[in-house]
Amino acid sequence: IHNGHLRVVVELLNRKIVDSIILIPAGQPRLRSEEPVADGKARLEMCKLAVQDLPTGIRDQVSVSDIEVKRSGPSYAIDTVEALEGSNELFWIIGSDAYAKIENWHRSEELQDKVSFIVIDRPGDDGDGLDIGALDISATEIRSDSQVNGTSPSVRKYITERKLYASK
């Protein structure tokens, strides 16, 4: 989780677009070209640390779920959505770059029927998504940055202490 993700969280909550946000780190992501360097447990911990670095009023509206990390096998959004279905309307917050590939997702049509997507424009996009002044940062850059700039202080400390990514 990086500052770009945190910016989305803060903007959506400050603008009252959503009432609360659940961060859900992927257990075994399917559409990545390589295996993640940090395992699910580490990604879960980094999400929890990042939430603690948010401003107090925002922090109280954000939770972290281990639903995908605990699941064995590949992580599919549709499985997570079906597990969370219930009393609240579900929104899936997604970057415009990922949304452009939504048809490649497992059971994509069902997923699109079950949730409303909040598509966030990436910097430089002139798309139909929401322009929140997104930061020009990507997880790929974080993983290759030996200084792990672009992460919150607690996440940066976690990464460097455990020698994750390029901080090795």
C-alpha atoms as a PDB file:
ATOM      1  CA  ILE A   1       0.000   0.000   0.000  1.00  0.00           C
ATOM      2  CA  HIS A   2       1.411   3.353  -0.975  1.00  0.00           C
ATOM      3  CA  ASN A   3       0.587   7.033  -0.649  1.00  0.00           C
ATOM      4  CA  GLY A   4      -1.432   6.933  -3.870  1.00  0.00           C
ATOM      5  CA  HIS A   5      -3.816   4.454  -2.258  1.00  0.00           C
ATOM      6  CA  LEU A   6      -3.972   6.557   0.904  1.00  0.00           C
ATOM      7  CA  ARG A   7      -4.748   9.670  -1.146  1.00  0.00           C
ATOM      8  CA  VAL A   8      -7.728   7.844  -2.673  1.00  0.00           C
ATOM      9  CA  VAL A   9      -8.943   6.828   0.795  1.00  0.00           C
ATOM     10  CA  VAL A  10      -8.700  10.365   2.156  1.00  0.00           C
ATOM     11  CA  GLU A  11     -10.315  12.001  -0.874  1.00  0.00           C
ATOM     12  CA  LEU A  12     -13.249   9.588  -1.079  1.00  0.00           C
ATOM     13  CA  LEU A  13     -13.997   9.944   2.625  1.00  0.00           C
ATOM     14  CA  ASN A  14     -13.466  13.729   2.751  1.00  0.00           C
ATOM     15  CA  ARG A  15     -15.728  14.194  -0.272  1.00  0.00           C
ATOM     16  CA  LYS A  16     -18.323  11.928   1.377  1.00  0.00           C
ATOM     17  CA  ILE A  17     -18.434   9.685  -1.692  1.00  0.00           C
ATOM     18  CA  VAL A  18     -18.348   6.688   0.661  1.00  0.00           C
ATOM     19  CA  ASP A  19     -19.029   6.354   4.396  1.00  0.00           C
ATOM     20  CA  SER A  20     -16.285   3.860   5.112  1.00  0.00           C
ATOM     21  CA  ILE A  21     -13.589   1.876   3.348  1.00  0.00           C
ATOM     22  CA  ILE A  22     -12.386  -1.678   3.833  1.00  0.00           C
ATOM     23  CA  LEU A  23      -8.844  -2.278   2.614  1.00  0.00           C
ATOM     24  CA  ILE A  24      -8.474  -5.843   1.377  1.00  0.00           C
ATOM     25  CA  PRO A  25      -4.966  -6.950   0.445  1.00  0.00           C
ATOM     26  CA  ALA A  26      -4.947  -9.758  -2.107  1.00  0.00           C
ATOM     27  CA  GLY A  27      -3.955 -13.194  -0.930  1.00  0.00           C
ATOM     28  CA  GLN A  28      -2.727 -14.677  -4.207  1.00  0.00           C
ATOM     29  CA  PRO A  29      -3.237 -12.093  -6.966  1.00  0.00           C
ATOM     30  CA  ARG A  30      -4.044 -13.701 -10.330  1.00  0.00           C
ATOM     31  CA  LEU A  31      -3.303 -11.006 -12.900  1.00  0.00           C
ATOM     32  CA  ARG A  32       0.271 -10.219 -11.873  1.00  0.00           C
ATOM     33  CA  SER A  33       3.070 -11.298 -14.160  1.00  0.00           C
ATOM     34  CA  GLU A  34       5.183 -12.446 -11.197  1.00  0.00           C
ATOM     35  CA  GLU A  35       4.614 -13.624  -7.655  1.00  0.00           C
ATOM     36  CA  PRO A  36       4.437 -10.843  -5.061  1.00  0.00           C
ATOM     37  CA  VAL A  37       7.628 -10.250  -3.080  1.00  0.00           C
ATOM     38  CA  ALA A  38       5.719  -9.645   0.138  1.00  0.00           C
ATOM     39  CA  ASP A  39       3.399 -12.440   1.197  1.00  0.00           C
ATOM     40  CA  GLY A  40      -0.231 -11.890   2.135  1.00  0.00           C
ATOM     41  CA  LYS A  41       0.537 -11.609   5.829  1.00  0.00           C
ATOM     42  CA  ALA A  42       3.092  -8.846   5.167  1.00  0.00           C
ATOM     43  CA  ARG A  43       0.703  -6.970   2.860  1.00  0.00           C
ATOM     44  CA  LEU A  44      -2.019  -7.236   5.518  1.00  0.00           C
ATOM     45  CA  GLU A  45       0.305  -5.814   8.160  1.00  0.00           C
ATOM     46  CA  MET A  46       1.372  -2.962   5.862  1.00  0.00           C
ATOM     47  CA  CYS A  47      -2.286  -2.056   5.304  1.00  0.00           C
ATOM     48  CA  LYS A  48      -2.882  -1.949   9.059  1.00  0.00           C
ATOM     49  CA  LEU A  49       0.190   0.239   9.551  1.00  0.00           C
ATOM     50  CA  ALA A  50      -0.859   2.575   6.740  1.00  0.00           C
ATOM     51  CA  VAL A  51      -4.289   3.047   8.338  1.00  0.00           C
ATOM     52  CA  GLN A  52      -2.612   4.056  11.597  1.00  0.00           C
ATOM     53  CA  ASP A  53      -0.716   6.761   9.675  1.00  0.00           C
ATOM     54  CA  LEU A  54      -3.954   8.326   8.387  1.00  0.00           C
ATOM     55  CA  PRO A  55      -5.412  11.433  10.069  1.00  0.00           C
ATOM     56  CA  THR A  56      -7.530  10.519  13.109  1.00  0.00           C
ATOM     57  CA  GLY A  57     -10.919  11.462  11.617  1.00  0.00           C
ATOM     58  CA  ILE A  58     -10.211   9.418   8.504  1.00  0.00           C
ATOM     59  CA  ARG A  59      -8.577   6.484  10.304  1.00  0.00           C
ATOM     60  CA  ASP A  60     -11.801   5.754  12.165  1.00  0.00           C
ATOM     61  CA  GLN A  61     -13.639   5.174   8.877  1.00  0.00           C
ATOM     62  CA  VAL A  62     -11.130   2.670   7.483  1.00  0.00           C
ATOM     63  CA  SER A  63     -10.777  -0.994   8.353  1.00  0.00           C
ATOM     64  CA  VAL A  64      -8.548  -3.756   7.041  1.00  0.00           C
ATOM     65  CA  SER A  65      -9.880  -7.202   6.181  1.00  0.00           C
ATOM     66  CA  ASP A  66      -7.891 -10.419   6.013  1.00  0.00           C
ATOM     67  CA  ILE A  67     -10.610 -12.177   3.991  1.00  0.00           C
ATOM     68  CA  GLU A  68      -8.405 -12.733   0.921  1.00  0.00           C
ATOM     69  CA  VAL A  69      -5.195 -13.419   2.832  1.00  0.00           C
ATOM     70  CA  LYS A  70      -6.904 -16.209   4.808  1.00  0.00           C
ATOM     71  CA  ARG A  71      -8.434 -17.774   1.697  1.00  0.00           C
ATOM     72  CA  SER A  72      -6.443 -20.615   0.185  1.00  0.00           C
ATOM     73  CA  GLY A  73      -5.868 -20.569  -3.536  1.00  0.00           C
ATOM     74  CA  PRO A  74      -6.161 -17.645  -5.913  1.00  0.00           C
ATOM     75  CA  SER A  75      -7.785 -14.354  -4.905  1.00  0.00           C
ATOM     76  CA  TYR A  76     -10.787 -13.451  -7.017  1.00  0.00           C
ATOM     77  CA  ALA A  77     -12.751 -10.259  -6.435  1.00  0.00           C
ATOM     78  CA  ILE A  78     -16.067 -12.021  -7.033  1.00  0.00           C
ATOM     79  CA  ASP A  79     -15.413 -14.450  -4.152  1.00  0.00           C
ATOM     80  CA  THR A  80     -14.666 -11.549  -1.830  1.00  0.00           C
ATOM     81  CA  VAL A  81     -17.764  -9.636  -2.923  1.00  0.00           C
ATOM     82  CA  GLU A  82     -19.979 -12.698  -2.404  1.00  0.00           C
ATOM     83  CA  ALA A  83     -18.529 -13.161   1.087  1.00  0.00           C
ATOM     84  CA  LEU A  84     -19.194  -9.500   1.957  1.00  0.00           C
ATOM     85  CA  GLU A  85     -22.672  -9.217   0.463  1.00  0.00           C
ATOM     86  CA  GLY A  86     -25.298  -8.300   2.968  1.00  0.00           C
ATOM     87  CA  SER A  87     -26.787  -5.210   4.462  1.00  0.00           C
ATOM     88  CA  ASN A  88     -24.509  -2.593   2.905  1.00  0.00           C
ATOM     89  CA  GLU A  89     -24.183  -1.545  -0.703  1.00  0.00           C
ATOM     90  CA  LEU A  90     -20.732  -2.482  -1.966  1.00  0.00           C
ATOM     91  CA  PHE A  91     -18.468  -0.259  -4.010  1.00  0.00           C
ATOM     92  CA  TRP A  92     -15.225  -1.475  -5.536  1.00  0.00           C
ATOM     93  CA  ILE A  93     -12.596   1.251  -5.731  1.00  0.00           C
ATOM     94  CA  ILE A  94     -10.334   0.695  -8.708  1.00  0.00           C
ATOM     95  CA  GLY A  95      -7.828   2.603 -10.797  1.00  0.00           C
ATOM     96  CA  SER A  96      -8.741   3.399 -14.380  1.00  0.00           C
ATOM     97  CA  ASP A  97      -5.834   1.277 -15.618  1.00  0.00           C
ATOM     98  CA  ALA A  98      -7.136  -1.815 -13.799  1.00  0.00           C
ATOM     99  CA  TYR A  99     -10.742  -1.061 -14.760  1.00  0.00           C
ATOM    100  CA  ALA A 100      -9.734  -1.015 -18.422  1.00  0.00           C
ATOM    101  CA  LYS A 101      -8.940  -4.734 -17.995  1.00  0.00           C
ATOM    102  CA  ILE A 102     -12.031  -5.658 -15.956  1.00  0.00           C
ATOM    103  CA  GLU A 103     -13.258  -8.024 -18.675  1.00  0.00           C
ATOM    104  CA  ASN A 104     -10.217 -10.239 -17.912  1.00  0.00           C
ATOM    105  CA  TRP A 105     -11.283 -10.693 -14.290  1.00  0.00           C
ATOM    106  CA  HIS A 106     -12.744 -13.988 -13.106  1.00  0.00           C
ATOM    107  CA  ARG A 107     -16.554 -13.984 -13.467  1.00  0.00           C
ATOM    108  CA  SER A 108     -16.380 -10.354 -14.543  1.00  0.00           C
ATOM    109  CA  GLU A 109     -20.029  -9.978 -15.558  1.00  0.00           C
ATOM    110  CA  GLU A 110     -21.256 -11.278 -12.212  1.00  0.00           C
ATOM    111  CA  LEU A 111     -18.872  -8.974 -10.381  1.00  0.00           C
ATOM    112  CA  GLN A 112     -20.095  -5.976 -12.354  1.00  0.00           C
ATOM    113  CA  ASP A 113     -23.693  -6.898 -11.493  1.00  0.00           C
ATOM    114  CA  LYS A 114     -22.958  -7.153  -7.772  1.00  0.00           C
ATOM    115  CA  VAL A 115     -20.926  -3.985  -7.091  1.00  0.00           C
ATOM    116  CA  SER A 116     -20.768  -0.397  -8.190  1.00  0.00           C
ATOM    117  CA  PHE A 117     -17.315   0.619  -9.317  1.00  0.00           C
ATOM    118  CA  ILE A 118     -15.674   3.845  -8.279  1.00  0.00           C
ATOM    119  CA  VAL A 119     -13.084   4.310 -10.994  1.00  0.00           C
ATOM    120  CA  ILE A 120     -10.219   6.617 -10.085  1.00  0.00           C
ATOM    121  CA  ASP A 121      -8.457   8.389 -12.939  1.00  0.00           C
ATOM    122  CA  ARG A 122      -4.704   7.945 -12.923  1.00  0.00           C
ATOM    123  CA  PRO A 123      -2.627  11.102 -13.443  1.00  0.00           C
ATOM    124  CA  GLY A 124      -2.786  12.158 -17.066  1.00  0.00           C
ATOM    125  CA  ASP A 125      -5.971  10.183 -17.761  1.00  0.00           C
ATOM    126  CA  ASP A 126      -8.790  11.938 -19.518  1.00  0.00           C
ATOM    127  CA  GLY A 127     -11.113   9.059 -18.814  1.00  0.00           C
ATOM    128  CA  ASP A 128     -14.587   8.812 -17.403  1.00  0.00           C
ATOM    129  CA  GLY A 129     -13.314   8.076 -13.895  1.00  0.00           C
ATOM    130  CA  LEU A 130     -13.234  10.290 -10.845  1.00  0.00           C
ATOM    131  CA  ASP A 131     -10.465  12.892 -10.821  1.00  0.00           C
ATOM    132  CA  ILE A 132      -9.200  13.178  -7.255  1.00  0.00           C
ATOM    133  CA  GLY A 133      -5.800  14.583  -8.113  1.00  0.00           C
ATOM    134  CA  ALA A 134      -4.317  11.094  -7.867  1.00  0.00           C
ATOM    135  CA  LEU A 135      -0.619  10.817  -7.144  1.00  0.00           C
ATOM    136  CA  ASP A 136       1.613   9.612  -9.955  1.00  0.00           C
ATOM    137  CA  ILE A 137       2.899   6.538  -8.170  1.00  0.00           C
ATOM    138  CA  SER A 138       2.571   2.805  -8.656  1.00  0.00           C
ATOM    139  CA  ALA A 139       3.170  -0.294  -6.580  1.00  0.00           C
ATOM    140  CA  THR A 140       5.719  -1.422  -9.169  1.00  0.00           C
ATOM    141  CA  GLU A 141       7.723   1.758  -8.489  1.00  0.00           C
ATOM    142  CA  ILE A 142       7.535   1.171  -4.740  1.00  0.00           C
ATOM    143  CA  ARG A 143       8.818  -2.378  -5.106  1.00  0.00           C
ATOM    144  CA  SER A 144      11.788  -1.174  -7.173  1.00  0.00           C
ATOM    145  CA  ASP A 145      12.621   1.929  -5.069  1.00  0.00           C
ATOM    146  CA  SER A 146      15.388   1.223  -2.578  1.00  0.00           C
ATOM    147  CA  GLN A 147      14.231   4.173  -0.480  1.00  0.00           C
ATOM    148  CA  VAL A 148      10.594   3.033  -0.577  1.00  0.00           C
ATOM    149  CA  ASN A 149       9.582   6.641  -1.038  1.00  0.00           C
ATOM    150  CA  GLY A 150       5.883   7.003  -1.591  1.00  0.00           C
ATOM    151  CA  THR A 151       4.811   4.949   1.418  1.00  0.00           C
ATOM    152  CA  SER A 152       3.638   6.153   4.808  1.00  0.00           C
ATOM    153  CA  PRO A 153       6.264   6.320   7.592  1.00  0.00           C
ATOM    154  CA  SER A 154       5.139   3.128   9.336  1.00  0.00           C
ATOM    155  CA  VAL A 155       4.991   1.155   6.084  1.00  0.00           C
ATOM    156  CA  ARG A 156       8.399   2.469   5.033  1.00  0.00           C
ATOM    157  CA  LYS A 157       9.864   1.329   8.361  1.00  0.00           C
ATOM    158  CA  TYR A 158       8.220  -2.102   8.032  1.00  0.00           C
ATOM    159  CA  ILE A 159       9.613  -2.575   4.511  1.00  0.00           C
ATOM    160  CA  THR A 160      13.149  -1.513   5.374  1.00  0.00           C
ATOM    161  CA  GLU A 161      13.321  -3.490   8.632  1.00  0.00           C
ATOM    162  CA  ARG A 162      12.234  -6.657   6.819  1.00  0.00           C
ATOM    163  CA  LYS A 163      14.330  -5.914   3.744  1.00  0.00           C
ATOM    164  CA  LEU A 164      11.366  -6.237   1.384  1.00  0.00           C
ATOM    165  CA  TYR A 165      11.455  -5.199  -2.246  1.00  0.00           C
ATOM    166  CA  ALA A 166      14.472  -3.181  -3.383  1.00  0.00           C
ATOM    167  CA  SER A 167      15.339  -2.240   0.211  1.00  0.00           C
ATOM    168  CA  LYS A 168      17.207  -5.577   0.501  1.00  0.00           C
END
